[in-house]
């Protein structure tokens, strides 16, 4: 299962995809500029960007979620990021694959989900209704049903 992955390089080259990628870069720069060196503010702005519901949505979340987000936001992985996978490499996946998008996801994420599902032959693409990127938190029963139905078929 792949849930709205952040793999921007898949959007490079297509005119519609490039527009979504440009939007992402502009928004990324905005978040960095507005937050400056304030990690907590950067975390809040990233949440609001990913949540795609505008300013103030971070503060509207339950305290445990806000705390978890802030505690884990700047966690570092050992080593650098791996090299980007190409559409052709994703195309070698032969395992049944569920590619999940959010009904109210960012245009950038929706384009990536569409592109990725097109790269993986035989994948199933599902858009979870009424949610944003944080779908497993916002609608756990619906999200779980989507996943369990896919597993039951395979």
C-alpha atoms as a PDB file:
ATOM      1  CA  UNK A   1       0.000   0.000   0.000  1.00  0.00           C
ATOM      2  CA  UNK A   2       1.231   3.473  -0.893  1.00  0.00           C
ATOM      3  CA  UNK A   3      -0.458   6.504   0.674  1.00  0.00           C
ATOM      4  CA  UNK A   4       0.073   9.889  -0.985  1.00  0.00           C
ATOM      5  CA  UNK A   5       3.856   9.570  -1.199  1.00  0.00           C
ATOM      6  CA  UNK A   6       6.104  12.594  -1.554  1.00  0.00           C
ATOM      7  CA  UNK A   7       7.875  11.602  -4.766  1.00  0.00           C
ATOM      8  CA  UNK A   8       7.943  14.887  -6.712  1.00  0.00           C
ATOM      9  CA  UNK A   9      10.335  13.652  -9.390  1.00  0.00           C
ATOM     10  CA  UNK A  10       7.510  11.579 -10.883  1.00  0.00           C
ATOM     11  CA  UNK A  11       5.877  14.859 -11.920  1.00  0.00           C
ATOM     12  CA  UNK A  12       8.834  16.179 -13.874  1.00  0.00           C
ATOM     13  CA  UNK A  13       8.255  16.459 -17.591  1.00  0.00           C
ATOM     14  CA  UNK A  14       4.463  16.516 -18.048  1.00  0.00           C
ATOM     15  CA  UNK A  15       2.792  19.911 -18.548  1.00  0.00           C
ATOM     16  CA  UNK A  16      -0.084  19.296 -16.093  1.00  0.00           C
ATOM     17  CA  UNK A  17       2.311  17.586 -13.717  1.00  0.00           C
ATOM     18  CA  UNK A  18       4.809  20.461 -13.948  1.00  0.00           C
ATOM     19  CA  UNK A  19       2.095  22.914 -12.870  1.00  0.00           C
ATOM     20  CA  UNK A  20       1.437  20.861  -9.727  1.00  0.00           C
ATOM     21  CA  UNK A  21       5.170  20.551  -9.097  1.00  0.00           C
ATOM     22  CA  UNK A  22       5.654  24.314  -9.483  1.00  0.00           C
ATOM     23  CA  UNK A  23       2.804  24.914  -7.020  1.00  0.00           C
ATOM     24  CA  UNK A  24       4.515  22.571  -4.533  1.00  0.00           C
ATOM     25  CA  UNK A  25       7.857  24.335  -4.864  1.00  0.00           C
ATOM     26  CA  UNK A  26       6.248  27.755  -4.340  1.00  0.00           C
ATOM     27  CA  UNK A  27       4.388  26.506  -1.253  1.00  0.00           C
ATOM     28  CA  UNK A  28       7.514  24.803   0.103  1.00  0.00           C
ATOM     29  CA  UNK A  29       9.458  28.069  -0.276  1.00  0.00           C
ATOM     30  CA  UNK A  30       6.624  29.981   1.412  1.00  0.00           C
ATOM     31  CA  UNK A  31       6.634  27.655   4.429  1.00  0.00           C
ATOM     32  CA  UNK A  32      10.417  27.920   4.778  1.00  0.00           C
ATOM     33  CA  UNK A  33      10.345  31.713   4.405  1.00  0.00           C
ATOM     34  CA  UNK A  34       7.462  32.288   6.836  1.00  0.00           C
ATOM     35  CA  UNK A  35       8.854  29.942   9.479  1.00  0.00           C
ATOM     36  CA  UNK A  36      12.440  31.115   9.298  1.00  0.00           C
ATOM     37  CA  UNK A  37      14.297  29.223  12.008  1.00  0.00           C
ATOM     38  CA  UNK A  38      11.192  28.537  14.116  1.00  0.00           C
ATOM     39  CA  UNK A  39      10.788  24.743  14.020  1.00  0.00           C
ATOM     40  CA  UNK A  40       7.397  24.740  15.772  1.00  0.00           C
ATOM     41  CA  UNK A  41       6.018  27.289  13.311  1.00  0.00           C
ATOM     42  CA  UNK A  42       7.431  25.310  10.374  1.00  0.00           C
ATOM     43  CA  UNK A  43       5.731  22.178  11.733  1.00  0.00           C
ATOM     44  CA  UNK A  44       2.398  24.003  12.003  1.00  0.00           C
ATOM     45  CA  UNK A  45       2.697  25.446   8.504  1.00  0.00           C
ATOM     46  CA  UNK A  46       3.590  22.033   7.053  1.00  0.00           C
ATOM     47  CA  UNK A  47       0.579  20.479   8.753  1.00  0.00           C
ATOM     48  CA  UNK A  48      -1.679  23.147   7.289  1.00  0.00           C
ATOM     49  CA  UNK A  49      -0.143  22.678   3.849  1.00  0.00           C
ATOM     50  CA  UNK A  50      -0.556  18.898   3.950  1.00  0.00           C
ATOM     51  CA  UNK A  51      -4.014  19.143   5.463  1.00  0.00           C
ATOM     52  CA  UNK A  52      -5.060  21.433   2.587  1.00  0.00           C
ATOM     53  CA  UNK A  53      -7.708  23.201   4.673  1.00  0.00           C
ATOM     54  CA  UNK A  54      -5.999  26.539   5.260  1.00  0.00           C
ATOM     55  CA  UNK A  55      -4.691  28.524   8.205  1.00  0.00           C
ATOM     56  CA  UNK A  56      -5.737  27.580  11.718  1.00  0.00           C
ATOM     57  CA  UNK A  57      -6.312  23.895  11.047  1.00  0.00           C
ATOM     58  CA  UNK A  58      -3.352  22.800  13.140  1.00  0.00           C
ATOM     59  CA  UNK A  59      -4.719  24.529  16.245  1.00  0.00           C
ATOM     60  CA  UNK A  60      -8.120  22.938  15.584  1.00  0.00           C
ATOM     61  CA  UNK A  61      -6.668  19.431  15.998  1.00  0.00           C
ATOM     62  CA  UNK A  62      -6.873  17.467  19.240  1.00  0.00           C
ATOM     63  CA  UNK A  63      -4.033  18.174  21.669  1.00  0.00           C
ATOM     64  CA  UNK A  64      -2.549  14.632  21.455  1.00  0.00           C
ATOM     65  CA  UNK A  65      -2.242  14.888  17.663  1.00  0.00           C
ATOM     66  CA  UNK A  66      -0.667  18.356  17.852  1.00  0.00           C
ATOM     67  CA  UNK A  67       1.813  17.119  20.463  1.00  0.00           C
ATOM     68  CA  UNK A  68       2.707  14.024  18.436  1.00  0.00           C
ATOM     69  CA  UNK A  69       3.170  16.126  15.274  1.00  0.00           C
ATOM     70  CA  UNK A  70       5.425  18.631  17.021  1.00  0.00           C
ATOM     71  CA  UNK A  71       7.421  15.924  18.827  1.00  0.00           C
ATOM     72  CA  UNK A  72       8.124  14.012  15.625  1.00  0.00           C
ATOM     73  CA  UNK A  73       8.290  16.767  13.035  1.00  0.00           C
ATOM     74  CA  UNK A  74      12.042  17.228  12.918  1.00  0.00           C
ATOM     75  CA  UNK A  75      12.994  13.605  13.569  1.00  0.00           C
ATOM     76  CA  UNK A  76      15.963  12.683  11.394  1.00  0.00           C
ATOM     77  CA  UNK A  77      16.613   9.436   9.622  1.00  0.00           C
ATOM     78  CA  UNK A  78      20.121   8.096   9.621  1.00  0.00           C
ATOM     79  CA  UNK A  79      21.906   8.728   6.346  1.00  0.00           C
ATOM     80  CA  UNK A  80      20.595  10.800   3.501  1.00  0.00           C
ATOM     81  CA  UNK A  81      17.543  10.121   1.404  1.00  0.00           C
ATOM     82  CA  UNK A  82      17.753   7.218  -1.019  1.00  0.00           C
ATOM     83  CA  UNK A  83      18.030   7.972  -4.736  1.00  0.00           C
ATOM     84  CA  UNK A  84      14.660   8.649  -6.400  1.00  0.00           C
ATOM     85  CA  UNK A  85      12.857   5.701  -7.942  1.00  0.00           C
ATOM     86  CA  UNK A  86      11.736   6.130 -11.536  1.00  0.00           C
ATOM     87  CA  UNK A  87       8.365   5.240 -12.997  1.00  0.00           C
ATOM     88  CA  UNK A  88      10.089   2.332 -14.742  1.00  0.00           C
ATOM     89  CA  UNK A  89      11.418   1.058 -11.409  1.00  0.00           C
ATOM     90  CA  UNK A  90       7.981   1.361  -9.815  1.00  0.00           C
ATOM     91  CA  UNK A  91       6.721  -0.540 -12.851  1.00  0.00           C
ATOM     92  CA  UNK A  92       8.696  -3.621 -11.816  1.00  0.00           C
ATOM     93  CA  UNK A  93       6.492  -4.060  -8.733  1.00  0.00           C
ATOM     94  CA  UNK A  94       4.531  -7.260  -9.270  1.00  0.00           C
ATOM     95  CA  UNK A  95       2.882  -7.467  -5.855  1.00  0.00           C
ATOM     96  CA  UNK A  96      -0.728  -6.287  -5.694  1.00  0.00           C
ATOM     97  CA  UNK A  97      -0.449  -2.612  -4.794  1.00  0.00           C
ATOM     98  CA  UNK A  98      -3.024  -0.213  -3.421  1.00  0.00           C
ATOM     99  CA  UNK A  99      -2.316   3.461  -4.163  1.00  0.00           C
ATOM    100  CA  UNK A 100      -4.362   5.680  -1.853  1.00  0.00           C
ATOM    101  CA  UNK A 101      -5.238   9.340  -2.304  1.00  0.00           C
ATOM    102  CA  UNK A 102      -7.309  11.801  -0.299  1.00  0.00           C
ATOM    103  CA  UNK A 103     -10.526  13.339  -1.587  1.00  0.00           C
ATOM    104  CA  UNK A 104      -9.406  16.757  -0.316  1.00  0.00           C
ATOM    105  CA  UNK A 105      -5.684  16.215  -0.830  1.00  0.00           C
ATOM    106  CA  UNK A 106      -3.372  18.825  -2.259  1.00  0.00           C
ATOM    107  CA  UNK A 107      -3.394  19.034  -6.074  1.00  0.00           C
ATOM    108  CA  UNK A 108       0.285  18.075  -5.931  1.00  0.00           C
ATOM    109  CA  UNK A 109      -0.458  14.867  -4.011  1.00  0.00           C
ATOM    110  CA  UNK A 110      -3.386  13.940  -6.243  1.00  0.00           C
ATOM    111  CA  UNK A 111      -1.175  14.242  -9.346  1.00  0.00           C
ATOM    112  CA  UNK A 112       1.484  12.041  -7.725  1.00  0.00           C
ATOM    113  CA  UNK A 113      -1.099   9.397  -6.792  1.00  0.00           C
ATOM    114  CA  UNK A 114      -2.426   9.391 -10.374  1.00  0.00           C
ATOM    115  CA  UNK A 115       1.066   9.186 -11.850  1.00  0.00           C
ATOM    116  CA  UNK A 116       2.265   6.487  -9.444  1.00  0.00           C
ATOM    117  CA  UNK A 117      -0.802   4.317 -10.020  1.00  0.00           C
ATOM    118  CA  UNK A 118      -0.082   4.604 -13.740  1.00  0.00           C
ATOM    119  CA  UNK A 119       3.491   3.414 -13.199  1.00  0.00           C
ATOM    120  CA  UNK A 120       2.559   0.234 -11.335  1.00  0.00           C
ATOM    121  CA  UNK A 121       0.803  -2.221 -13.640  1.00  0.00           C
ATOM    122  CA  UNK A 122      -2.296  -3.714 -12.102  1.00  0.00           C
ATOM    123  CA  UNK A 123      -2.295  -1.383  -9.115  1.00  0.00           C
ATOM    124  CA  UNK A 124      -5.593  -0.295  -7.656  1.00  0.00           C
ATOM    125  CA  UNK A 125      -6.094   3.394  -6.998  1.00  0.00           C
ATOM    126  CA  UNK A 126      -8.576   4.482  -4.341  1.00  0.00           C
ATOM    127  CA  UNK A 127      -9.498   7.983  -3.237  1.00  0.00           C
ATOM    128  CA  UNK A 128     -10.777   8.038   0.341  1.00  0.00           C
ATOM    129  CA  UNK A 129     -13.845  10.322   0.440  1.00  0.00           C
ATOM    130  CA  UNK A 130     -14.126  13.382   2.663  1.00  0.00           C
ATOM    131  CA  UNK A 131     -10.539  13.382   3.981  1.00  0.00           C
ATOM    132  CA  UNK A 132      -7.222  15.159   3.567  1.00  0.00           C
ATOM    133  CA  UNK A 133      -3.696  13.723   3.718  1.00  0.00           C
ATOM    134  CA  UNK A 134      -4.267  12.681   7.351  1.00  0.00           C
ATOM    135  CA  UNK A 135      -6.942  10.196   6.331  1.00  0.00           C
ATOM    136  CA  UNK A 136      -6.160   7.391   8.784  1.00  0.00           C
ATOM    137  CA  UNK A 137      -6.645   9.875  11.626  1.00  0.00           C
ATOM    138  CA  UNK A 138      -9.632  11.734  10.156  1.00  0.00           C
ATOM    139  CA  UNK A 139     -11.671   8.702   9.081  1.00  0.00           C
ATOM    140  CA  UNK A 140     -10.060   5.569  10.545  1.00  0.00           C
ATOM    141  CA  UNK A 141     -13.061   3.316   9.901  1.00  0.00           C
ATOM    142  CA  UNK A 142     -13.320   4.307   6.234  1.00  0.00           C
ATOM    143  CA  UNK A 143      -9.551   4.097   5.768  1.00  0.00           C
ATOM    144  CA  UNK A 144      -9.400   0.672   7.445  1.00  0.00           C
ATOM    145  CA  UNK A 145     -12.294  -0.587   5.298  1.00  0.00           C
ATOM    146  CA  UNK A 146     -10.448   0.439   2.118  1.00  0.00           C
ATOM    147  CA  UNK A 147      -7.296  -1.357   3.238  1.00  0.00           C
ATOM    148  CA  UNK A 148      -9.059  -4.487   4.529  1.00  0.00           C
ATOM    149  CA  UNK A 149     -11.164  -4.801   1.356  1.00  0.00           C
ATOM    150  CA  UNK A 150      -7.993  -4.666  -0.745  1.00  0.00           C
ATOM    151  CA  UNK A 151      -6.292  -7.273   1.431  1.00  0.00           C
ATOM    152  CA  UNK A 152      -9.352  -9.540   1.286  1.00  0.00           C
ATOM    153  CA  UNK A 153      -9.264  -9.483  -2.539  1.00  0.00           C
ATOM    154  CA  UNK A 154      -5.608 -10.464  -2.587  1.00  0.00           C
END
